[in-house]
Amino acid sequence: MSAVSRALTVRLDAQDYERLEREATRLGMRPGTLARVLLRASLGEPERQPEHPPISLERLLDRLARLREGLPPVDAAAVIAEGRATLERRGEP
């Protein structure tokens, strides 16, 4: 949502306004707030622009491989066993 708010006047006939007011009261909000919620819901999600242009899978995998270069090898089984042992020690009095 942008930082700037703009006002909009909507004219409702008496019956529609009363329905809006009753529903707003039931929900614990003001009629104008409910009208804004209903309008937003009917418009759907705003289109979002990606922060970065799309990157191909191959390029992402290449970047991942470069990140892994120079890191020490990891024994996943040892890491899991160590985590389990730590959790078991936490449960001991």
N, C-alpha and C. Protein backbone atom coordinates (compact mmCIF):
# COMPACT_ATOMS: atom_id res chain seq x y z
N MET A 1 0.84 -1.17 0.00
CA MET A 1 0.00 0.00 0.00
C MET A 1 0.89 1.23 0.00
N SER A 2 0.49 2.24 -0.75
CA SER A 2 1.30 3.44 -0.82
C SER A 2 1.15 4.25 0.46
N ALA A 3 2.09 5.16 0.67
CA ALA A 3 2.07 5.97 1.88
C ALA A 3 1.00 7.05 1.80
N VAL A 4 0.50 7.35 0.59
CA VAL A 4 -0.50 8.40 0.41
C VAL A 4 -1.89 7.78 0.40
N SER A 5 -2.79 8.32 1.22
CA SER A 5 -4.18 7.88 1.22
C SER A 5 -5.00 8.90 0.45
N ARG A 6 -6.00 8.41 -0.24
CA ARG A 6 -6.89 9.30 -0.97
C ARG A 6 -8.31 8.99 -0.56
N ALA A 7 -9.12 10.02 -0.41
CA ALA A 7 -10.51 9.87 -0.01
C ALA A 7 -11.37 9.56 -1.22
N LEU A 8 -12.42 8.79 -0.99
CA LEU A 8 -13.37 8.44 -2.03
C LEU A 8 -14.76 8.49 -1.41
N THR A 9 -15.66 9.19 -2.06
CA THR A 9 -17.04 9.25 -1.58
C THR A 9 -17.86 8.22 -2.33
N VAL A 10 -18.59 7.40 -1.59
CA VAL A 10 -19.46 6.39 -2.18
C VAL A 10 -20.87 6.66 -1.67
N ARG A 11 -21.81 6.76 -2.57
CA ARG A 11 -23.19 7.01 -2.18
C ARG A 11 -23.94 5.68 -2.13
N LEU A 12 -24.58 5.43 -0.99
CA LEU A 12 -25.39 4.23 -0.80
C LEU A 12 -26.81 4.65 -0.51
N ASP A 13 -27.76 3.85 -0.95
CA ASP A 13 -29.14 4.16 -0.55
C ASP A 13 -29.28 3.78 0.92
N ALA A 14 -30.36 4.22 1.53
CA ALA A 14 -30.55 4.06 2.97
C ALA A 14 -30.50 2.60 3.39
N GLN A 15 -31.11 1.73 2.60
CA GLN A 15 -31.16 0.31 2.95
C GLN A 15 -29.75 -0.30 2.94
N ASP A 16 -28.96 -0.01 1.91
CA ASP A 16 -27.59 -0.55 1.85
C ASP A 16 -26.73 0.00 2.97
N TYR A 17 -26.89 1.30 3.29
CA TYR A 17 -26.10 1.87 4.37
C TYR A 17 -26.46 1.23 5.70
N GLU A 18 -27.73 0.99 5.93
CA GLU A 18 -28.15 0.35 7.18
C GLU A 18 -27.58 -1.06 7.29
N ARG A 19 -27.58 -1.80 6.17
CA ARG A 19 -26.97 -3.14 6.17
C ARG A 19 -25.48 -3.05 6.48
N LEU A 20 -24.80 -2.09 5.86
CA LEU A 20 -23.37 -1.90 6.11
C LEU A 20 -23.14 -1.54 7.58
N GLU A 21 -23.96 -0.67 8.10
CA GLU A 21 -23.81 -0.24 9.49
C GLU A 21 -24.06 -1.40 10.47
N ARG A 22 -25.10 -2.20 10.22
CA ARG A 22 -25.38 -3.36 11.09
C ARG A 22 -24.22 -4.35 11.08
N GLU A 23 -23.71 -4.64 9.89
CA GLU A 23 -22.61 -5.61 9.79
C GLU A 23 -21.35 -5.06 10.45
N ALA A 24 -21.08 -3.78 10.26
CA ALA A 24 -19.91 -3.16 10.89
C ALA A 24 -20.03 -3.23 12.41
N THR A 25 -21.21 -2.93 12.92
CA THR A 25 -21.43 -3.00 14.38
C THR A 25 -21.22 -4.42 14.87
N ARG A 26 -21.77 -5.39 14.14
CA ARG A 26 -21.60 -6.79 14.53
C ARG A 26 -20.13 -7.18 14.58
N LEU A 27 -19.32 -6.63 13.67
CA LEU A 27 -17.90 -6.95 13.61
C LEU A 27 -17.04 -6.05 14.50
N GLY A 28 -17.66 -5.06 15.12
CA GLY A 28 -16.92 -4.17 16.02
C GLY A 28 -16.07 -3.15 15.29
N MET A 29 -16.55 -2.69 14.15
CA MET A 29 -15.79 -1.67 13.41
C MET A 29 -16.73 -0.61 12.89
N ARG A 30 -16.15 0.45 12.37
CA ARG A 30 -16.96 1.53 11.80
C ARG A 30 -17.37 1.17 10.38
N PRO A 31 -18.49 1.72 9.91
CA PRO A 31 -18.95 1.41 8.55
C PRO A 31 -17.91 1.74 7.48
N GLY A 32 -17.21 2.85 7.61
CA GLY A 32 -16.20 3.22 6.63
C GLY A 32 -15.07 2.21 6.58
N THR A 33 -14.69 1.68 7.74
CA THR A 33 -13.63 0.67 7.79
C THR A 33 -14.08 -0.60 7.10
N LEU A 34 -15.31 -1.03 7.38
CA LEU A 34 -15.83 -2.23 6.73
C LEU A 34 -15.94 -2.03 5.23
N ALA A 35 -16.38 -0.86 4.79
CA ALA A 35 -16.48 -0.58 3.36
C ALA A 35 -15.11 -0.69 2.71
N ARG A 36 -14.07 -0.19 3.36
CA ARG A 36 -12.70 -0.27 2.83
C ARG A 36 -12.25 -1.73 2.75
N VAL A 37 -12.54 -2.51 3.79
CA VAL A 37 -12.17 -3.93 3.81
C VAL A 37 -12.87 -4.67 2.66
N LEU A 38 -14.16 -4.42 2.50
CA LEU A 38 -14.92 -5.09 1.44
C LEU A 38 -14.42 -4.69 0.05
N LEU A 39 -14.10 -3.42 -0.12
CA LEU A 39 -13.59 -2.96 -1.41
C LEU A 39 -12.25 -3.61 -1.74
N ARG A 40 -11.36 -3.64 -0.75
CA ARG A 40 -10.05 -4.29 -0.98
C ARG A 40 -10.22 -5.76 -1.32
N ALA A 41 -11.11 -6.44 -0.60
CA ALA A 41 -11.32 -7.87 -0.85
C ALA A 41 -11.88 -8.10 -2.25
N SER A 42 -12.73 -7.22 -2.72
CA SER A 42 -13.32 -7.41 -4.04
C SER A 42 -12.32 -7.11 -5.15
N LEU A 43 -11.31 -6.30 -4.87
CA LEU A 43 -10.30 -5.97 -5.89
C LEU A 43 -9.26 -7.06 -6.05
N GLY A 44 -9.11 -7.93 -5.08
CA GLY A 44 -8.11 -8.99 -5.15
C GLY A 44 -6.74 -8.47 -4.74
N GLU A 45 -5.76 -9.33 -4.91
CA GLU A 45 -4.39 -8.99 -4.53
C GLU A 45 -3.78 -8.02 -5.53
N PRO A 46 -3.01 -7.04 -5.03
CA PRO A 46 -2.33 -6.14 -5.96
C PRO A 46 -1.23 -6.88 -6.71
N GLU A 47 -0.97 -6.45 -7.92
CA GLU A 47 0.11 -7.07 -8.68
C GLU A 47 1.43 -6.65 -8.06
N ARG A 48 2.27 -7.61 -7.82
CA ARG A 48 3.56 -7.31 -7.20
C ARG A 48 4.66 -7.42 -8.24
N GLN A 49 5.50 -6.42 -8.24
CA GLN A 49 6.65 -6.44 -9.13
C GLN A 49 7.79 -7.16 -8.43
N PRO A 50 8.46 -8.06 -9.12
CA PRO A 50 9.58 -8.76 -8.47
C PRO A 50 10.69 -7.77 -8.13
N GLU A 51 11.31 -8.00 -6.97
CA GLU A 51 12.41 -7.13 -6.55
C GLU A 51 13.61 -7.30 -7.47
N HIS A 52 13.78 -8.49 -7.98
CA HIS A 52 14.90 -8.79 -8.86
C HIS A 52 14.36 -9.49 -10.09
N PRO A 53 15.00 -9.30 -11.22
CA PRO A 53 14.54 -10.01 -12.41
C PRO A 53 14.70 -11.51 -12.23
N PRO A 54 13.88 -12.31 -12.90
CA PRO A 54 13.98 -13.76 -12.77
C PRO A 54 15.37 -14.27 -13.17
N ILE A 55 15.80 -15.31 -12.49
CA ILE A 55 17.11 -15.92 -12.76
C ILE A 55 16.86 -17.37 -13.14
N SER A 56 17.56 -17.84 -14.13
CA SER A 56 17.38 -19.22 -14.57
C SER A 56 17.86 -20.19 -13.49
N LEU A 57 17.30 -21.39 -13.53
CA LEU A 57 17.68 -22.42 -12.57
C LEU A 57 19.17 -22.73 -12.67
N GLU A 58 19.68 -22.81 -13.89
CA GLU A 58 21.10 -23.11 -14.07
C GLU A 58 21.97 -22.05 -13.41
N ARG A 59 21.58 -20.79 -13.57
CA ARG A 59 22.36 -19.71 -12.97
C ARG A 59 22.30 -19.78 -11.45
N LEU A 60 21.13 -20.09 -10.91
CA LEU A 60 21.01 -20.24 -9.46
C LEU A 60 21.87 -21.38 -8.93
N LEU A 61 21.87 -22.50 -9.65
CA LEU A 61 22.69 -23.63 -9.23
C LEU A 61 24.17 -23.29 -9.30
N ASP A 62 24.58 -22.54 -10.31
CA ASP A 62 25.97 -22.09 -10.39
C ASP A 62 26.33 -21.21 -9.20
N ARG A 63 25.42 -20.31 -8.83
CA ARG A 63 25.68 -19.44 -7.68
C ARG A 63 25.79 -20.26 -6.39
N LEU A 64 24.94 -21.27 -6.26
CA LEU A 64 24.99 -22.14 -5.09
C LEU A 64 26.32 -22.89 -5.04
N ALA A 65 26.76 -23.40 -6.18
CA ALA A 65 28.04 -24.11 -6.23
C ALA A 65 29.18 -23.19 -5.81
N ARG A 66 29.16 -21.94 -6.26
CA ARG A 66 30.22 -20.99 -5.87
C ARG A 66 30.19 -20.70 -4.37
N LEU A 67 28.98 -20.65 -3.81
CA LEU A 67 28.87 -20.42 -2.37
C LEU A 67 29.47 -21.58 -1.57
N ARG A 68 29.31 -22.79 -2.08
CA ARG A 68 29.79 -23.98 -1.37
C ARG A 68 31.30 -24.16 -1.48
N GLU A 69 31.91 -23.53 -2.49
CA GLU A 69 33.35 -23.69 -2.69
C GLU A 69 34.10 -23.23 -1.44
N GLY A 70 35.04 -24.02 -1.00
CA GLY A 70 35.87 -23.65 0.13
C GLY A 70 35.27 -23.98 1.48
N LEU A 71 34.02 -24.42 1.53
CA LEU A 71 33.45 -24.81 2.81
C LEU A 71 33.91 -26.21 3.17
N PRO A 72 34.09 -26.47 4.45
CA PRO A 72 34.51 -27.82 4.84
C PRO A 72 33.38 -28.81 4.60
N PRO A 73 33.71 -30.07 4.34
CA PRO A 73 32.66 -31.07 4.16
C PRO A 73 31.89 -31.27 5.47
N VAL A 74 30.63 -31.59 5.34
CA VAL A 74 29.78 -31.78 6.52
C VAL A 74 29.25 -33.20 6.51
N ASP A 75 29.36 -33.85 7.67
CA ASP A 75 28.80 -35.19 7.84
C ASP A 75 27.40 -35.02 8.41
N ALA A 76 26.40 -35.12 7.54
CA ALA A 76 25.02 -34.87 7.96
C ALA A 76 24.58 -35.81 9.08
N ALA A 77 24.98 -37.07 9.00
CA ALA A 77 24.60 -38.03 10.03
C ALA A 77 25.17 -37.63 11.39
N ALA A 78 26.42 -37.14 11.40
CA ALA A 78 27.04 -36.71 12.66
C ALA A 78 26.33 -35.48 13.22
N VAL A 79 25.94 -34.56 12.35
CA VAL A 79 25.24 -33.36 12.80
C VAL A 79 23.89 -33.75 13.43
N ILE A 80 23.17 -34.66 12.80
CA ILE A 80 21.88 -35.11 13.33
C ILE A 80 22.07 -35.83 14.66
N ALA A 81 23.06 -36.70 14.74
CA ALA A 81 23.31 -37.42 15.99
C ALA A 81 23.66 -36.45 17.11
N GLU A 82 24.45 -35.45 16.81
CA GLU A 82 24.83 -34.46 17.82
C GLU A 82 23.59 -33.67 18.27
N GLY A 83 22.72 -33.32 17.32
CA GLY A 83 21.49 -32.60 17.68
C GLY A 83 20.58 -33.43 18.56
N ARG A 84 20.44 -34.70 18.24
CA ARG A 84 19.62 -35.59 19.06
C ARG A 84 20.18 -35.72 20.47
N ALA A 85 21.50 -35.87 20.56
CA ALA A 85 22.13 -35.99 21.88
C ALA A 85 21.90 -34.72 22.69
N THR A 86 22.00 -33.58 22.05
CA THR A 86 21.77 -32.31 22.75
C THR A 86 20.34 -32.24 23.27
N LEU A 87 19.37 -32.63 22.43
CA LEU A 87 17.98 -32.61 22.85
C LEU A 87 17.73 -33.58 24.00
N GLU A 88 18.35 -34.74 23.97
CA GLU A 88 18.19 -35.72 25.05
C GLU A 88 18.78 -35.18 26.35
N ARG A 89 19.90 -34.49 26.28
CA ARG A 89 20.51 -33.92 27.49
C ARG A 89 19.61 -32.83 28.07
N ARG A 90 18.90 -32.10 27.24
CA ARG A 90 18.00 -31.05 27.73
C ARG A 90 16.86 -31.65 28.53
N GLY A 91 16.45 -32.85 28.16
CA GLY A 91 15.33 -33.49 28.87
C GLY A 91 15.74 -34.10 30.19
N GLU A 92 17.04 -34.22 30.45
CA GLU A 92 17.50 -34.83 31.71
C GLU A 92 17.42 -33.82 32.83
N PRO A 93 17.05 -34.30 34.04
CA PRO A 93 16.98 -33.40 35.20
C PRO A 93 18.33 -33.00 35.73
